[in-house]
Amino acid sequence: MRVAIATVLLGLSYPTYVVGVAFNVWQPLTRPRGVPKRAHYVDAFKSAAWFDCAVDSRRNVNVCEAWDEKGRLIASGDYRLDGENRAARGVELRPWKIHRGPDANPKLAWIDLFGSKSASSLTLVPINSAGKPLERFEVH
């Protein structure tokens, strides 16, 4: 009887783990090589990524990097909120989705943040060394 119960519990544990990761209840047990331990995994159902973003209040920017599920860098650089010319505050800095730049250039990726109004009410845009937003690209 104990063996049967243990088998059932073990059989249910993997689907529970997968669903928990998919709904961002917990983090995956493993991560791709090169993704730092401080990076946070987010599964957006159609896309998933590992995010490492911080607030640099001295420069008024968010410093972000993101990797895909295979550990390839897909976003990297300094960012500010689209149309607000400021860094996202710590409570706002909840990356949700990546919009890759032209030619998959990590320096041109945009990052949607999970906001209080909708899943993508805030967007981080890359900025240049002068603090100006880089040209927006249109995804077709």
C-alpha atoms as a PDB file:
ATOM      1  CA  MET A   1       0.000   0.000   0.000  1.00  0.00           C
ATOM      2  CA  ARG A   2       2.815   2.415   0.882  1.00  0.00           C
ATOM      3  CA  VAL A   3       4.552   1.649  -2.391  1.00  0.00           C
ATOM      4  CA  ALA A   4       1.352   2.403  -4.332  1.00  0.00           C
ATOM      5  CA  ILE A   5       0.848   5.712  -2.497  1.00  0.00           C
ATOM      6  CA  ALA A   6       4.500   6.661  -3.031  1.00  0.00           C
ATOM      7  CA  THR A   7       4.223   5.808  -6.726  1.00  0.00           C
ATOM      8  CA  VAL A   8       1.089   7.951  -7.124  1.00  0.00           C
ATOM      9  CA  LEU A   9       2.663  10.882  -5.268  1.00  0.00           C
ATOM     10  CA  LEU A  10       5.827  10.617  -7.321  1.00  0.00           C
ATOM     11  CA  GLY A  11       3.779  10.416 -10.515  1.00  0.00           C
ATOM     12  CA  LEU A  12       1.908  13.610  -9.572  1.00  0.00           C
ATOM     13  CA  SER A  13       4.997  15.535  -8.489  1.00  0.00           C
ATOM     14  CA  TYR A  14       6.433  16.154 -11.974  1.00  0.00           C
ATOM     15  CA  PRO A  15       3.208  17.556 -13.492  1.00  0.00           C
ATOM     16  CA  THR A  16       2.774  19.704 -10.382  1.00  0.00           C
ATOM     17  CA  TYR A  17       6.347  20.970 -10.749  1.00  0.00           C
ATOM     18  CA  VAL A  18       5.849  21.780 -14.454  1.00  0.00           C
ATOM     19  CA  VAL A  19       2.558  23.604 -13.823  1.00  0.00           C
ATOM     20  CA  GLY A  20       4.124  25.534 -10.930  1.00  0.00           C
ATOM     21  CA  VAL A  21       6.985  26.697 -13.140  1.00  0.00           C
ATOM     22  CA  ALA A  22       4.571  27.599 -15.972  1.00  0.00           C
ATOM     23  CA  PHE A  23       2.472  29.731 -13.625  1.00  0.00           C
ATOM     24  CA  ASN A  24       5.571  31.305 -12.032  1.00  0.00           C
ATOM     25  CA  VAL A  25       4.762  29.817  -8.615  1.00  0.00           C
ATOM     26  CA  TRP A  26       8.355  28.628  -8.248  1.00  0.00           C
ATOM     27  CA  GLN A  27      11.604  28.643 -10.171  1.00  0.00           C
ATOM     28  CA  PRO A  28      12.954  25.726 -12.239  1.00  0.00           C
ATOM     29  CA  LEU A  29      15.360  23.444 -10.412  1.00  0.00           C
ATOM     30  CA  THR A  30      18.023  23.915 -13.095  1.00  0.00           C
ATOM     31  CA  ARG A  31      19.095  26.762 -15.335  1.00  0.00           C
ATOM     32  CA  PRO A  32      21.096  26.949 -18.552  1.00  0.00           C
ATOM     33  CA  ARG A  33      24.865  27.341 -18.352  1.00  0.00           C
ATOM     34  CA  GLY A  34      25.894  30.988 -18.137  1.00  0.00           C
ATOM     35  CA  VAL A  35      22.658  32.235 -16.557  1.00  0.00           C
ATOM     36  CA  PRO A  36      23.516  33.729 -13.143  1.00  0.00           C
ATOM     37  CA  LYS A  37      21.828  32.485  -9.975  1.00  0.00           C
ATOM     38  CA  ARG A  38      20.249  35.895  -9.381  1.00  0.00           C
ATOM     39  CA  ALA A  39      18.339  35.665 -12.696  1.00  0.00           C
ATOM     40  CA  HIS A  40      14.615  35.012 -12.334  1.00  0.00           C
ATOM     41  CA  TYR A  41      12.731  32.734 -14.727  1.00  0.00           C
ATOM     42  CA  VAL A  42       9.427  33.957 -16.178  1.00  0.00           C
ATOM     43  CA  ASP A  43       7.195  31.802 -18.349  1.00  0.00           C
ATOM     44  CA  ALA A  44       4.819  33.926 -20.441  1.00  0.00           C
ATOM     45  CA  PHE A  45       3.259  30.801 -22.049  1.00  0.00           C
ATOM     46  CA  LYS A  46       4.270  31.757 -25.593  1.00  0.00           C
ATOM     47  CA  SER A  47       7.760  32.771 -24.538  1.00  0.00           C
ATOM     48  CA  ALA A  48       9.978  32.298 -21.536  1.00  0.00           C
ATOM     49  CA  ALA A  49      13.166  33.953 -20.365  1.00  0.00           C
ATOM     50  CA  TRP A  50      15.564  34.372 -17.481  1.00  0.00           C
ATOM     51  CA  PHE A  51      15.747  38.015 -16.311  1.00  0.00           C
ATOM     52  CA  ASP A  52      18.332  39.869 -14.245  1.00  0.00           C
ATOM     53  CA  CYS A  53      17.299  43.519 -13.840  1.00  0.00           C
ATOM     54  CA  ALA A  54      18.317  46.102 -11.268  1.00  0.00           C
ATOM     55  CA  VAL A  55      17.727  49.778 -10.542  1.00  0.00           C
ATOM     56  CA  ASP A  56      20.724  52.106 -10.884  1.00  0.00           C
ATOM     57  CA  SER A  57      19.288  55.182  -9.169  1.00  0.00           C
ATOM     58  CA  ARG A  58      22.498  57.201  -9.597  1.00  0.00           C
ATOM     59  CA  ARG A  59      22.167  57.039 -13.397  1.00  0.00           C
ATOM     60  CA  ASN A  60      18.339  56.785 -13.417  1.00  0.00           C
ATOM     61  CA  VAL A  61      18.381  53.570 -15.469  1.00  0.00           C
ATOM     62  CA  ASN A  62      17.500  49.928 -15.169  1.00  0.00           C
ATOM     63  CA  VAL A  63      20.360  47.612 -15.990  1.00  0.00           C
ATOM     64  CA  CYS A  64      18.957  44.414 -17.490  1.00  0.00           C
ATOM     65  CA  GLU A  65      20.058  41.204 -19.060  1.00  0.00           C
ATOM     66  CA  ALA A  66      17.856  38.356 -20.248  1.00  0.00           C
ATOM     67  CA  TRP A  67      18.525  34.883 -21.597  1.00  0.00           C
ATOM     68  CA  ASP A  68      16.331  32.464 -23.504  1.00  0.00           C
ATOM     69  CA  GLU A  69      15.658  28.917 -22.325  1.00  0.00           C
ATOM     70  CA  LYS A  70      18.888  27.718 -23.944  1.00  0.00           C
ATOM     71  CA  GLY A  71      21.011  30.319 -22.151  1.00  0.00           C
ATOM     72  CA  ARG A  72      21.520  32.653 -25.130  1.00  0.00           C
ATOM     73  CA  LEU A  73      21.675  36.362 -24.299  1.00  0.00           C
ATOM     74  CA  ILE A  74      18.596  38.060 -25.784  1.00  0.00           C
ATOM     75  CA  ALA A  75      18.584  41.437 -23.982  1.00  0.00           C
ATOM     76  CA  SER A  76      21.381  43.479 -22.456  1.00  0.00           C
ATOM     77  CA  GLY A  77      21.929  47.100 -21.562  1.00  0.00           C
ATOM     78  CA  ASP A  78      20.548  50.196 -19.880  1.00  0.00           C
ATOM     79  CA  TYR A  79      16.810  50.832 -20.019  1.00  0.00           C
ATOM     80  CA  ARG A  80      14.191  53.420 -19.102  1.00  0.00           C
ATOM     81  CA  LEU A  81      10.410  53.329 -19.140  1.00  0.00           C
ATOM     82  CA  ASP A  82       8.925  54.080 -22.546  1.00  0.00           C
ATOM     83  CA  GLY A  83       7.762  57.698 -22.706  1.00  0.00           C
ATOM     84  CA  GLU A  84       8.655  58.477 -19.080  1.00  0.00           C
ATOM     85  CA  ASN A  85      12.431  59.086 -19.244  1.00  0.00           C
ATOM     86  CA  ARG A  86      12.966  57.373 -15.893  1.00  0.00           C
ATOM     87  CA  ALA A  87      13.989  54.031 -14.529  1.00  0.00           C
ATOM     88  CA  ALA A  88      11.328  51.651 -13.294  1.00  0.00           C
ATOM     89  CA  ARG A  89      11.181  51.607  -9.504  1.00  0.00           C
ATOM     90  CA  GLY A  90      11.883  48.369  -7.682  1.00  0.00           C
ATOM     91  CA  VAL A  91       8.177  47.562  -7.282  1.00  0.00           C
ATOM     92  CA  GLU A  92       7.600  48.142 -11.009  1.00  0.00           C
ATOM     93  CA  LEU A  93      10.630  46.149 -12.133  1.00  0.00           C
ATOM     94  CA  ARG A  94       8.890  42.835 -12.799  1.00  0.00           C
ATOM     95  CA  PRO A  95      10.006  41.722 -16.291  1.00  0.00           C
ATOM     96  CA  TRP A  96       7.459  39.671 -18.168  1.00  0.00           C
ATOM     97  CA  LYS A  97       8.271  39.458 -21.846  1.00  0.00           C
ATOM     98  CA  ILE A  98      11.014  40.261 -24.379  1.00  0.00           C
ATOM     99  CA  HIS A  99      10.558  41.866 -27.779  1.00  0.00           C
ATOM    100  CA  ARG A 100      13.720  41.039 -29.640  1.00  0.00           C
ATOM    101  CA  GLY A 101      15.425  43.723 -31.653  1.00  0.00           C
ATOM    102  CA  PRO A 102      16.345  43.681 -35.330  1.00  0.00           C
ATOM    103  CA  ASP A 103      18.759  40.861 -36.172  1.00  0.00           C
ATOM    104  CA  ALA A 104      18.168  39.570 -32.600  1.00  0.00           C
ATOM    105  CA  ASN A 105      20.567  42.241 -31.291  1.00  0.00           C
ATOM    106  CA  PRO A 106      20.409  42.050 -27.449  1.00  0.00           C
ATOM    107  CA  LYS A 107      21.112  45.806 -27.215  1.00  0.00           C
ATOM    108  CA  LEU A 108      17.884  46.594 -29.114  1.00  0.00           C
ATOM    109  CA  ALA A 109      15.443  44.341 -27.221  1.00  0.00           C
ATOM    110  CA  TRP A 110      12.444  45.848 -25.427  1.00  0.00           C
ATOM    111  CA  ILE A 111      11.174  44.433 -22.127  1.00  0.00           C
ATOM    112  CA  ASP A 112       7.545  44.418 -21.018  1.00  0.00           C
ATOM    113  CA  LEU A 113       6.953  44.706 -17.298  1.00  0.00           C
ATOM    114  CA  PHE A 114       4.029  43.203 -15.486  1.00  0.00           C
ATOM    115  CA  GLY A 115       1.908  46.162 -14.428  1.00  0.00           C
ATOM    116  CA  SER A 116      -1.118  46.754 -12.274  1.00  0.00           C
ATOM    117  CA  LYS A 117      -3.457  47.462 -15.207  1.00  0.00           C
ATOM    118  CA  SER A 118      -2.468  44.733 -17.644  1.00  0.00           C
ATOM    119  CA  ALA A 119       0.272  42.240 -18.294  1.00  0.00           C
ATOM    120  CA  SER A 120       2.280  44.733 -20.335  1.00  0.00           C
ATOM    121  CA  SER A 121       1.277  48.204 -19.177  1.00  0.00           C
ATOM    122  CA  LEU A 122       4.924  49.257 -18.750  1.00  0.00           C
ATOM    123  CA  THR A 123       7.752  48.793 -21.235  1.00  0.00           C
ATOM    124  CA  LEU A 124      11.482  49.244 -20.796  1.00  0.00           C
ATOM    125  CA  VAL A 125      13.242  50.637 -23.849  1.00  0.00           C
ATOM    126  CA  PRO A 126      16.982  50.546 -24.439  1.00  0.00           C
ATOM    127  CA  ILE A 127      18.858  53.822 -24.193  1.00  0.00           C
ATOM    128  CA  ASN A 128      22.148  54.961 -25.673  1.00  0.00           C
ATOM    129  CA  SER A 129      25.159  56.282 -23.749  1.00  0.00           C
ATOM    130  CA  ALA A 130      23.643  59.789 -23.798  1.00  0.00           C
ATOM    131  CA  GLY A 131      20.485  58.481 -22.109  1.00  0.00           C
ATOM    132  CA  LYS A 132      18.282  58.812 -25.193  1.00  0.00           C
ATOM    133  CA  PRO A 133      15.912  56.015 -26.245  1.00  0.00           C
ATOM    134  CA  LEU A 134      17.080  53.970 -29.183  1.00  0.00           C
ATOM    135  CA  GLU A 135      14.832  53.897 -32.249  1.00  0.00           C
ATOM    136  CA  ARG A 136      11.775  51.723 -31.731  1.00  0.00           C
ATOM    137  CA  PHE A 137      11.363  48.858 -34.107  1.00  0.00           C
ATOM    138  CA  GLU A 138       8.017  47.495 -35.201  1.00  0.00           C
ATOM    139  CA  VAL A 139       7.316  43.798 -34.927  1.00  0.00           C
ATOM    140  CA  HIS A 140       5.326  42.557 -37.915  1.00  0.00           C
END
